[in-house]
């Protein structure tokens, strides 16, 4: 068993049938680990096709979190994973 908590969580999600993909993490300086100056930290995928690369394949997940051990975990929502997300954003009157 790996000592990488993020890898173990990603594998646990995949075992539930939830398709996962790696997402850039926040760097120690508070910026995004991608090095970009205009992106939001921990908000965009490390894979070329983002949620389209999401998978439940254990080998792929292990490779990603070996390459990027601190990557956040993204979940593909919708029919492929059976997950629905409701984002209530008060900044845009979502709480009304």
PDB file of N, CA and C in Angstrom:
ATOM      1  N   UNK A   1       0.849  -1.187   0.000  1.00  0.00           N
ATOM      2  CA  UNK A   1       0.000   0.000   0.000  1.00  0.00           C
ATOM      3  C   UNK A   1       0.886   1.240   0.000  1.00  0.00           C
ATOM      4  N   UNK A   2       0.529   2.187  -0.807  1.00  0.00           N
ATOM      5  CA  UNK A   2       1.315   3.415  -0.935  1.00  0.00           C
ATOM      6  C   UNK A   2       1.140   4.309   0.276  1.00  0.00           C
ATOM      7  N   UNK A   3       2.152   5.132   0.534  1.00  0.00           N
ATOM      8  CA  UNK A   3       2.042   6.096   1.623  1.00  0.00           C
ATOM      9  C   UNK A   3       1.504   7.434   1.119  1.00  0.00           C
ATOM     10  N   UNK A   4       1.158   7.508  -0.166  1.00  0.00           N
ATOM     11  CA  UNK A   4       0.622   8.739  -0.729  1.00  0.00           C
ATOM     12  C   UNK A   4      -0.891   8.787  -0.486  1.00  0.00           C
ATOM     13  N   UNK A   5      -1.295   9.668   0.415  1.00  0.00           N
ATOM     14  CA  UNK A   5      -2.713   9.777   0.782  1.00  0.00           C
ATOM     15  C   UNK A   5      -3.565  10.168  -0.424  1.00  0.00           C
ATOM     16  N   UNK A   6      -3.048  11.039  -1.276  1.00  0.00           N
ATOM     17  CA  UNK A   6      -3.820  11.465  -2.448  1.00  0.00           C
ATOM     18  C   UNK A   6      -4.006  10.308  -3.424  1.00  0.00           C
ATOM     19  N   UNK A   7      -2.966   9.530  -3.640  1.00  0.00           N
ATOM     20  CA  UNK A   7      -3.091   8.355  -4.500  1.00  0.00           C
ATOM     21  C   UNK A   7      -4.116   7.389  -3.930  1.00  0.00           C
ATOM     22  N   UNK A   8      -4.040   7.125  -2.656  1.00  0.00           N
ATOM     23  CA  UNK A   8      -4.987   6.191  -2.030  1.00  0.00           C
ATOM     24  C   UNK A   8      -6.422   6.709  -2.142  1.00  0.00           C
ATOM     25  N   UNK A   9      -6.610   8.016  -1.986  1.00  0.00           N
ATOM     26  CA  UNK A   9      -7.955   8.581  -2.122  1.00  0.00           C
ATOM     27  C   UNK A   9      -8.441   8.456  -3.561  1.00  0.00           C
ATOM     28  N   UNK A  10      -7.566   8.763  -4.525  1.00  0.00           N
ATOM     29  CA  UNK A  10      -7.947   8.649  -5.941  1.00  0.00           C
ATOM     30  C   UNK A  10      -8.338   7.212  -6.277  1.00  0.00           C
ATOM     31  N   UNK A  11      -7.566   6.247  -5.767  1.00  0.00           N
ATOM     32  CA  UNK A  11      -7.895   4.838  -6.013  1.00  0.00           C
ATOM     33  C   UNK A  11      -9.213   4.449  -5.349  1.00  0.00           C
ATOM     34  N   UNK A  12      -9.468   4.966  -4.165  1.00  0.00           N
ATOM     35  CA  UNK A  12     -10.728   4.670  -3.470  1.00  0.00           C
ATOM     36  C   UNK A  12     -11.916   5.234  -4.249  1.00  0.00           C
ATOM     37  N   UNK A  13     -11.767   6.448  -4.785  1.00  0.00           N
ATOM     38  CA  UNK A  13     -12.842   7.028  -5.596  1.00  0.00           C
ATOM     39  C   UNK A  13     -13.075   6.171  -6.835  1.00  0.00           C
ATOM     40  N   UNK A  14     -11.975   5.755  -7.475  1.00  0.00           N
ATOM     41  CA  UNK A  14     -12.096   4.941  -8.689  1.00  0.00           C
ATOM     42  C   UNK A  14     -12.802   3.621  -8.401  1.00  0.00           C
ATOM     43  N   UNK A  15     -12.544   3.040  -7.247  1.00  0.00           N
ATOM     44  CA  UNK A  15     -13.205   1.782  -6.880  1.00  0.00           C
ATOM     45  C   UNK A  15     -14.708   1.973  -6.711  1.00  0.00           C
ATOM     46  N   UNK A  16     -15.121   3.192  -6.437  1.00  0.00           N
ATOM     47  CA  UNK A  16     -16.554   3.507  -6.352  1.00  0.00           C
ATOM     48  C   UNK A  16     -17.169   3.745  -7.728  1.00  0.00           C
ATOM     49  N   UNK A  17     -16.313   3.732  -8.757  1.00  0.00           N
ATOM     50  CA  UNK A  17     -16.789   3.984 -10.109  1.00  0.00           C
ATOM     51  C   UNK A  17     -16.694   5.442 -10.511  1.00  0.00           C
ATOM     52  N   UNK A  18     -16.066   6.254  -9.664  1.00  0.00           N
ATOM     53  CA  UNK A  18     -15.907   7.679  -9.966  1.00  0.00           C
ATOM     54  C   UNK A  18     -14.631   7.869 -10.772  1.00  0.00           C
ATOM     55  N   UNK A  19     -14.748   8.475 -11.932  1.00  0.00           N
ATOM     56  CA  UNK A  19     -13.595   8.706 -12.802  1.00  0.00           C
ATOM     57  C   UNK A  19     -12.788   9.895 -12.278  1.00  0.00           C
ATOM     58  N   UNK A  20     -11.483   9.694 -12.096  1.00  0.00           N
ATOM     59  CA  UNK A  20     -10.611  10.724 -11.519  1.00  0.00           C
ATOM     60  C   UNK A  20      -9.557  11.187 -12.520  1.00  0.00           C
ATOM     61  N   UNK A  21      -9.002  12.368 -12.247  1.00  0.00           N
ATOM     62  CA  UNK A  21      -7.888  12.906 -13.033  1.00  0.00           C
ATOM     63  C   UNK A  21      -7.094  13.852 -12.131  1.00  0.00           C
ATOM     64  N   UNK A  22      -5.796  14.031 -12.405  1.00  0.00           N
ATOM     65  CA  UNK A  22      -4.970  14.891 -11.563  1.00  0.00           C
ATOM     66  C   UNK A  22      -5.150  16.369 -11.901  1.00  0.00           C
ATOM     67  N   UNK A  23      -5.143  17.176 -10.857  1.00  0.00           N
ATOM     68  CA  UNK A  23      -5.309  18.624 -10.978  1.00  0.00           C
ATOM     69  C   UNK A  23      -4.101  19.303 -10.333  1.00  0.00           C
ATOM     70  N   UNK A  24      -3.642  20.412 -10.926  1.00  0.00           N
ATOM     71  CA  UNK A  24      -2.529  21.152 -10.330  1.00  0.00           C
ATOM     72  C   UNK A  24      -2.863  21.516  -8.893  1.00  0.00           C
ATOM     73  N   UNK A  25      -1.849  21.513  -8.055  1.00  0.00           N
ATOM     74  CA  UNK A  25      -2.004  21.848  -6.643  1.00  0.00           C
ATOM     75  C   UNK A  25      -1.509  23.276  -6.382  1.00  0.00           C
ATOM     76  N   UNK A  26      -1.804  23.767  -5.196  1.00  0.00           N
ATOM     77  CA  UNK A  26      -1.310  25.074  -4.786  1.00  0.00           C
ATOM     78  C   UNK A  26       0.133  24.923  -4.330  1.00  0.00           C
ATOM     79  N   UNK A  27       1.017  25.746  -4.864  1.00  0.00           N
ATOM     80  CA  UNK A  27       2.435  25.728  -4.497  1.00  0.00           C
ATOM     81  C   UNK A  27       2.611  26.366  -3.114  1.00  0.00           C
ATOM     82  N   UNK A  28       3.765  26.138  -2.483  1.00  0.00           N
ATOM     83  CA  UNK A  28       4.010  26.723  -1.155  1.00  0.00           C
ATOM     84  C   UNK A  28       3.855  28.246  -1.093  1.00  0.00           C
ATOM     85  N   UNK A  29       4.078  28.918  -2.224  1.00  0.00           N
ATOM     86  CA  UNK A  29       3.943  30.381  -2.233  1.00  0.00           C
ATOM     87  C   UNK A  29       2.503  30.839  -2.451  1.00  0.00           C
ATOM     88  N   UNK A  30       1.558  29.881  -2.522  1.00  0.00           N
ATOM     89  CA  UNK A  30       0.144  30.223  -2.688  1.00  0.00           C
ATOM     90  C   UNK A  30      -0.307  30.315  -4.126  1.00  0.00           C
ATOM     91  N   UNK A  31       0.620  30.252  -5.050  1.00  0.00           N
ATOM     92  CA  UNK A  31       0.272  30.292  -6.472  1.00  0.00           C
ATOM     93  C   UNK A  31      -0.005  28.882  -6.973  1.00  0.00           C
ATOM     94  N   UNK A  32      -0.462  28.809  -8.200  1.00  0.00           N
ATOM     95  CA  UNK A  32      -0.696  27.506  -8.815  1.00  0.00           C
ATOM     96  C   UNK A  32       0.641  26.856  -9.140  1.00  0.00           C
ATOM     97  N   UNK A  33       0.737  25.558  -8.945  1.00  0.00           N
ATOM     98  CA  UNK A  33       1.983  24.836  -9.220  1.00  0.00           C
ATOM     99  C   UNK A  33       2.307  24.762 -10.715  1.00  0.00           C
ATOM    100  N   UNK A  34       1.397  25.191 -11.585  1.00  0.00           N
ATOM    101  CA  UNK A  34       1.682  25.184 -13.024  1.00  0.00           C
ATOM    102  C   UNK A  34       2.668  26.282 -13.401  1.00  0.00           C
ATOM    103  N   UNK A  35       2.822  27.271 -12.520  1.00  0.00           N
ATOM    104  CA  UNK A  35       3.728  28.373 -12.802  1.00  0.00           C
ATOM    105  C   UNK A  35       3.079  29.532 -13.524  1.00  0.00           C
ATOM    106  N   UNK A  36       1.817  29.392 -13.875  1.00  0.00           N
ATOM    107  CA  UNK A  36       1.115  30.474 -14.548  1.00  0.00           C
ATOM    108  C   UNK A  36       0.829  31.625 -13.596  1.00  0.00           C
ATOM    109  N   UNK A  37       0.715  32.803 -14.145  1.00  0.00           N
ATOM    110  CA  UNK A  37       0.487  33.969 -13.298  1.00  0.00           C
ATOM    111  C   UNK A  37      -0.975  34.394 -13.253  1.00  0.00           C
ATOM    112  N   UNK A  38      -1.794  33.884 -14.158  1.00  0.00           N
ATOM    113  CA  UNK A  38      -3.176  34.352 -14.223  1.00  0.00           C
ATOM    114  C   UNK A  38      -4.203  33.250 -13.989  1.00  0.00           C
ATOM    115  N   UNK A  39      -3.775  32.121 -13.437  1.00  0.00           N
ATOM    116  CA  UNK A  39      -4.739  31.051 -13.194  1.00  0.00           C
ATOM    117  C   UNK A  39      -5.055  30.962 -11.705  1.00  0.00           C
ATOM    118  N   UNK A  40      -6.145  30.287 -11.407  1.00  0.00           N
ATOM    119  CA  UNK A  40      -6.525  30.055 -10.017  1.00  0.00           C
ATOM    120  C   UNK A  40      -5.856  28.778  -9.542  1.00  0.00           C
ATOM    121  N   UNK A  41      -5.165  28.819  -8.414  1.00  0.00           N
ATOM    122  CA  UNK A  41      -4.483  27.613  -7.926  1.00  0.00           C
ATOM    123  C   UNK A  41      -5.449  26.449  -7.724  1.00  0.00           C
ATOM    124  N   UNK A  42      -4.967  25.281  -8.088  1.00  0.00           N
ATOM    125  CA  UNK A  42      -5.680  24.029  -7.858  1.00  0.00           C
ATOM    126  C   UNK A  42      -7.024  23.963  -8.574  1.00  0.00           C
ATOM    127  N   UNK A  43      -7.127  24.603  -9.710  1.00  0.00           N
ATOM    128  CA  UNK A  43      -8.408  24.631 -10.424  1.00  0.00           C
ATOM    129  C   UNK A  43      -8.363  24.015 -11.815  1.00  0.00           C
ATOM    130  N   UNK A  44      -7.186  23.644 -12.310  1.00  0.00           N
ATOM    131  CA  UNK A  44      -7.173  23.110 -13.675  1.00  0.00           C
ATOM    132  C   UNK A  44      -6.363  21.820 -13.765  1.00  0.00           C
ATOM    133  N   UNK A  45      -6.722  20.980 -14.741  1.00  0.00           N
ATOM    134  CA  UNK A  45      -6.146  19.641 -14.835  1.00  0.00           C
ATOM    135  C   UNK A  45      -4.701  19.631 -15.310  1.00  0.00           C
ATOM    136  N   UNK A  46      -3.992  18.594 -14.876  1.00  0.00           N
ATOM    137  CA  UNK A  46      -2.622  18.365 -15.333  1.00  0.00           C
ATOM    138  C   UNK A  46      -2.603  17.582 -16.648  1.00  0.00           C
ATOM    139  N   UNK A  47      -3.657  16.893 -16.981  1.00  0.00           N
ATOM    140  CA  UNK A  47      -3.695  16.080 -18.196  1.00  0.00           C
ATOM    141  C   UNK A  47      -4.113  16.946 -19.383  1.00  0.00           C
ATOM    142  N   UNK A  48      -3.722  16.538 -20.596  1.00  0.00           N
ATOM    143  CA  UNK A  48      -3.997  17.374 -21.773  1.00  0.00           C
ATOM    144  C   UNK A  48      -5.481  17.613 -22.050  1.00  0.00           C
ATOM    145  N   UNK A  49      -6.331  16.652 -21.699  1.00  0.00           N
ATOM    146  CA  UNK A  49      -7.755  16.780 -22.035  1.00  0.00           C
ATOM    147  C   UNK A  49      -8.646  16.831 -20.794  1.00  0.00           C
ATOM    148  N   UNK A  50      -8.041  17.132 -19.658  1.00  0.00           N
ATOM    149  CA  UNK A  50      -8.805  17.342 -18.433  1.00  0.00           C
ATOM    150  C   UNK A  50      -9.759  16.217 -18.103  1.00  0.00           C
ATOM    151  N   UNK A  51     -10.998  16.560 -17.874  1.00  0.00           N
ATOM    152  CA  UNK A  51     -11.990  15.565 -17.448  1.00  0.00           C
ATOM    153  C   UNK A  51     -12.197  14.474 -18.495  1.00  0.00           C
ATOM    154  N   UNK A  52     -11.842  14.741 -19.739  1.00  0.00           N
ATOM    155  CA  UNK A  52     -11.960  13.706 -20.769  1.00  0.00           C
ATOM    156  C   UNK A  52     -10.929  12.595 -20.561  1.00  0.00           C
ATOM    157  N   UNK A  53      -9.855  12.891 -19.840  1.00  0.00           N
ATOM    158  CA  UNK A  53      -8.849  11.875 -19.501  1.00  0.00           C
ATOM    159  C   UNK A  53      -9.204  11.103 -18.237  1.00  0.00           C
ATOM    160  N   UNK A  54     -10.245  11.498 -17.545  1.00  0.00           N
ATOM    161  CA  UNK A  54     -10.607  10.864 -16.279  1.00  0.00           C
ATOM    162  C   UNK A  54     -10.840   9.371 -16.471  1.00  0.00           C
ATOM    163  N   UNK A  55     -10.461   8.608 -15.447  1.00  0.00           N
ATOM    164  CA  UNK A  55     -10.535   7.151 -15.566  1.00  0.00           C
ATOM    165  C   UNK A  55     -10.709   6.500 -14.203  1.00  0.00           C
ATOM    166  N   UNK A  56     -11.068   5.234 -14.241  1.00  0.00           N
ATOM    167  CA  UNK A  56     -11.065   4.399 -13.036  1.00  0.00           C
ATOM    168  C   UNK A  56      -9.945   3.362 -13.136  1.00  0.00           C
ATOM    169  N   UNK A  57      -9.129   3.440 -14.165  1.00  0.00           N
ATOM    170  CA  UNK A  57      -8.055   2.483 -14.403  1.00  0.00           C
ATOM    171  C   UNK A  57      -6.936   2.656 -13.370  1.00  0.00           C
ATOM    172  N   UNK A  58      -6.717   1.618 -12.567  1.00  0.00           N
ATOM    173  CA  UNK A  58      -5.750   1.703 -11.473  1.00  0.00           C
ATOM    174  C   UNK A  58      -4.341   2.020 -11.961  1.00  0.00           C
ATOM    175  N   UNK A  59      -3.908   1.413 -13.053  1.00  0.00           N
ATOM    176  CA  UNK A  59      -2.548   1.643 -13.554  1.00  0.00           C
ATOM    177  C   UNK A  59      -2.350   3.104 -13.955  1.00  0.00           C
ATOM    178  N   UNK A  60      -3.328   3.673 -14.644  1.00  0.00           N
ATOM    179  CA  UNK A  60      -3.228   5.078 -15.058  1.00  0.00           C
ATOM    180  C   UNK A  60      -3.197   5.998 -13.842  1.00  0.00           C
ATOM    181  N   UNK A  61      -4.038   5.714 -12.867  1.00  0.00           N
ATOM    182  CA  UNK A  61      -4.096   6.538 -11.651  1.00  0.00           C
ATOM    183  C   UNK A  61      -2.776   6.452 -10.893  1.00  0.00           C
ATOM    184  N   UNK A  62      -2.245   5.251 -10.759  1.00  0.00           N
ATOM    185  CA  UNK A  62      -0.950   5.091 -10.083  1.00  0.00           C
ATOM    186  C   UNK A  62       0.155   5.855 -10.808  1.00  0.00           C
ATOM    187  N   UNK A  63       0.146   5.812 -12.133  1.00  0.00           N
ATOM    188  CA  UNK A  63       1.156   6.548 -12.918  1.00  0.00           C
ATOM    189  C   UNK A  63       1.035   8.036 -12.679  1.00  0.00           C
ATOM    190  N   UNK A  64      -0.182   8.566 -12.761  1.00  0.00           N
ATOM    191  CA  UNK A  64      -0.360  10.007 -12.558  1.00  0.00           C
ATOM    192  C   UNK A  64       0.157  10.446 -11.192  1.00  0.00           C
ATOM    193  N   UNK A  65      -0.227   9.726 -10.138  1.00  0.00           N
ATOM    194  CA  UNK A  65       0.169  10.166  -8.793  1.00  0.00           C
ATOM    195  C   UNK A  65       1.602   9.767  -8.444  1.00  0.00           C
ATOM    196  N   UNK A  66       2.231   8.961  -9.292  1.00  0.00           N
ATOM    197  CA  UNK A  66       3.678   8.759  -9.175  1.00  0.00           C
ATOM    198  C   UNK A  66       4.388   9.938  -9.827  1.00  0.00           C
ATOM    199  N   UNK A  67       3.876  10.370 -10.990  1.00  0.00           N
ATOM    200  CA  UNK A  67       4.457  11.521 -11.685  1.00  0.00           C
ATOM    201  C   UNK A  67       4.217  12.825 -10.919  1.00  0.00           C
ATOM    202  N   UNK A  68       3.024  12.953 -10.341  1.00  0.00           N
ATOM    203  CA  UNK A  68       2.622  14.181  -9.633  1.00  0.00           C
ATOM    204  C   UNK A  68       2.054  13.803  -8.265  1.00  0.00           C
ATOM    205  N   UNK A  69       2.900  13.460  -7.303  1.00  0.00           N
ATOM    206  CA  UNK A  69       2.415  12.939  -6.017  1.00  0.00           C
ATOM    207  C   UNK A  69       1.588  13.917  -5.184  1.00  0.00           C
ATOM    208  N   UNK A  70       1.677  15.202  -5.490  1.00  0.00           N
ATOM    209  CA  UNK A  70       0.920  16.191  -4.718  1.00  0.00           C
ATOM    210  C   UNK A  70      -0.293  16.729  -5.475  1.00  0.00           C
ATOM    211  N   UNK A  71      -0.595  16.127  -6.621  1.00  0.00           N
ATOM    212  CA  UNK A  71      -1.719  16.606  -7.433  1.00  0.00           C
ATOM    213  C   UNK A  71      -3.034  16.493  -6.665  1.00  0.00           C
ATOM    214  N   UNK A  72      -3.856  17.510  -6.808  1.00  0.00           N
ATOM    215  CA  UNK A  72      -5.214  17.420  -6.283  1.00  0.00           C
ATOM    216  C   UNK A  72      -5.987  16.414  -7.125  1.00  0.00           C
ATOM    217  N   UNK A  73      -7.120  16.001  -6.631  1.00  0.00           N
ATOM    218  CA  UNK A  73      -7.930  15.009  -7.326  1.00  0.00           C
ATOM    219  C   UNK A  73      -9.139  15.680  -7.956  1.00  0.00           C
ATOM    220  N   UNK A  74      -9.247  15.512  -9.265  1.00  0.00           N
ATOM    221  CA  UNK A  74     -10.433  15.971  -9.971  1.00  0.00           C
ATOM    222  C   UNK A  74     -11.364  14.795 -10.194  1.00  0.00           C
ATOM    223  N   UNK A  75     -12.656  15.060 -10.160  1.00  0.00           N
ATOM    224  CA  UNK A  75     -13.663  14.024 -10.428  1.00  0.00           C
ATOM    225  C   UNK A  75     -14.479  14.439 -11.640  1.00  0.00           C
ATOM    226  N   UNK A  76     -14.589  13.532 -12.596  1.00  0.00           N
ATOM    227  CA  UNK A  76     -15.466  13.775 -13.731  1.00  0.00           C
ATOM    228  C   UNK A  76     -16.891  13.507 -13.270  1.00  0.00           C
ATOM    229  N   UNK A  77     -17.746  14.460 -13.471  1.00  0.00           N
ATOM    230  CA  UNK A  77     -19.133  14.313 -13.041  1.00  0.00           C
ATOM    231  C   UNK A  77     -20.002  13.942 -14.240  1.00  0.00           C
ATOM    232  N   UNK A  78     -21.243  13.637 -13.964  1.00  0.00           N
ATOM    233  CA  UNK A  78     -22.174  13.297 -15.023  1.00  0.00           C
ATOM    234  C   UNK A  78     -22.378  11.800 -15.149  1.00  0.00           C
ATOM    235  N   UNK A  79     -22.904  11.396 -16.280  1.00  0.00           N
ATOM    236  CA  UNK A  79     -23.297  10.001 -16.485  1.00  0.00           C
ATOM    237  C   UNK A  79     -22.149   9.019 -16.313  1.00  0.00           C
ATOM    238  N   UNK A  80     -20.930   9.383 -16.738  1.00  0.00           N
ATOM    239  CA  UNK A  80     -19.795   8.470 -16.650  1.00  0.00           C
ATOM    240  C   UNK A  80     -19.451   8.047 -15.239  1.00  0.00           C
ATOM    241  N   UNK A  81     -19.660   8.949 -14.274  1.00  0.00           N
ATOM    242  CA  UNK A  81     -19.373   8.624 -12.883  1.00  0.00           C
ATOM    243  C   UNK A  81     -20.633   8.499 -12.040  1.00  0.00           C
ATOM    244  N   UNK A  82     -21.753   8.947 -12.577  1.00  0.00           N
ATOM    245  CA  UNK A  82     -22.994   8.911 -11.810  1.00  0.00           C
ATOM    246  C   UNK A  82     -23.041   9.976 -10.731  1.00  0.00           C
ATOM    247  N   UNK A  83     -22.259  11.040 -10.914  1.00  0.00           N
ATOM    248  CA  UNK A  83     -22.217  12.125  -9.932  1.00  0.00           C
ATOM    249  C   UNK A  83     -22.817  13.394 -10.514  1.00  0.00           C
ATOM    250  N   UNK A  84     -23.589  14.083  -9.706  1.00  0.00           N
ATOM    251  CA  UNK A  84     -24.153  15.369 -10.085  1.00  0.00           C
ATOM    252  C   UNK A  84     -23.676  16.386  -9.061  1.00  0.00           C
ATOM    253  N   UNK A  85     -23.267  17.568  -9.527  1.00  0.00           N
ATOM    254  CA  UNK A  85     -22.767  18.611  -8.644  1.00  0.00           C
ATOM    255  C   UNK A  85     -23.666  19.835  -8.765  1.00  0.00           C
ATOM    256  N   UNK A  86     -24.005  20.383  -7.635  1.00  0.00           N
ATOM    257  CA  UNK A  86     -24.758  21.632  -7.590  1.00  0.00           C
ATOM    258  C   UNK A  86     -23.862  22.661  -6.921  1.00  0.00           C
ATOM    259  N   UNK A  87     -23.499  23.700  -7.656  1.00  0.00           N
ATOM    260  CA  UNK A  87     -22.618  24.740  -7.147  1.00  0.00           C
ATOM    261  C   UNK A  87     -23.453  25.977  -6.825  1.00  0.00           C
ATOM    262  N   UNK A  88     -23.609  26.238  -5.552  1.00  0.00           N
ATOM    263  CA  UNK A  88     -24.360  27.412  -5.117  1.00  0.00           C
ATOM    264  C   UNK A  88     -23.345  28.521  -4.869  1.00  0.00           C
ATOM    265  N   UNK A  89     -23.306  29.494  -5.759  1.00  0.00           N
ATOM    266  CA  UNK A  89     -22.320  30.561  -5.705  1.00  0.00           C
ATOM    267  C   UNK A  89     -22.980  31.874  -5.299  1.00  0.00           C
ATOM    268  N   UNK A  90     -22.873  32.250  -4.024  1.00  0.00           N
ATOM    269  CA  UNK A  90     -23.515  33.485  -3.551  1.00  0.00           C
ATOM    270  C   UNK A  90     -23.041  34.735  -4.309  1.00  0.00           C
ATOM    271  N   UNK A  91     -21.819  34.722  -4.836  1.00  0.00           N
ATOM    272  CA  UNK A  91     -21.330  35.891  -5.566  1.00  0.00           C
ATOM    273  C   UNK A  91     -22.167  36.177  -6.802  1.00  0.00           C
ATOM    274  N   UNK A  92     -22.832  35.158  -7.303  1.00  0.00           N
ATOM    275  CA  UNK A  92     -23.658  35.313  -8.503  1.00  0.00           C
ATOM    276  C   UNK A  92     -25.123  35.008  -8.206  1.00  0.00           C
ATOM    277  N   UNK A  93     -25.566  35.322  -6.989  1.00  0.00           N
ATOM    278  CA  UNK A  93     -26.948  35.167  -6.538  1.00  0.00           C
ATOM    279  C   UNK A  93     -27.391  33.701  -6.460  1.00  0.00           C
ATOM    280  N   UNK A  94     -26.445  32.773  -6.354  1.00  0.00           N
ATOM    281  CA  UNK A  94     -26.790  31.357  -6.281  1.00  0.00           C
ATOM    282  C   UNK A  94     -27.519  30.980  -5.019  1.00  0.00           C
ATOM    283  N   UNK A  95     -27.365  31.771  -3.976  1.00  0.00           N
ATOM    284  CA  UNK A  95     -28.046  31.445  -2.714  1.00  0.00           C
ATOM    285  C   UNK A  95     -29.485  31.917  -2.709  1.00  0.00           C
ATOM    286  N   UNK A  96     -29.896  32.596  -3.751  1.00  0.00           N
ATOM    287  CA  UNK A  96     -31.294  33.023  -3.855  1.00  0.00           C
ATOM    288  C   UNK A  96     -32.064  31.936  -4.537  1.00  0.00           C
TER     289      UNK A  96
END
